[in-house]
């Protein structure tokens, strides 16, 4: 979803904020999306009619997340940490009952280490990621912030090599080169900038 959101944020910034995409920002986005596409186009990717509702929901979530990123809003008088906690908490609130309804988890089978890991994953990585995202969208134009976030899937794949022992090959290297090229192009200052 993060890849779709980045593309939608760049596109929505034009009609909503008057930030017309430049050739450089569109090229950077295409390179970044191309890299993520190469990464995801590996073996085992199959899309059938039974997956269409999930694809539609993911697309809808990406468009809504992008809309929230570029929508003009007034500043809420809270610290960034408190604001992030409220936004993540309220955003996750409907997901908990829906997850319990549709997934039928066996919560009794979760060990104390599993509970600790779940709490850690909720508080630390999600909190840090959202703090970083909100800081980026405050300081950077939507196209730049969005393209820079295309590095997230690559960090996951590259981290999986030493942590999980997964193999990195030419496809991953090519995806990394495309994505890094797009991000470098997006964050590079224009030649006429001071």
Foldseek 3Di string as FASTA:
>chain_A
DLLLLLVLLQVVCCVQVVPPDDPLLVLLNVLLSVLVVLVPPDPPDDDDPVCVVVVVVVNVVSNVVSCVLNHDDDDDPDDLLVVLCVVLVVVCVVVVVVCCVPVVDDVVPQDPVNVVVVVCVSPPPSSVVVSVLVVCSVPDPSSLSSLLCSCVVLVVVVVCCVPVVDDDDPSSVSSVVSSVVSNCSSPDDDPPDD
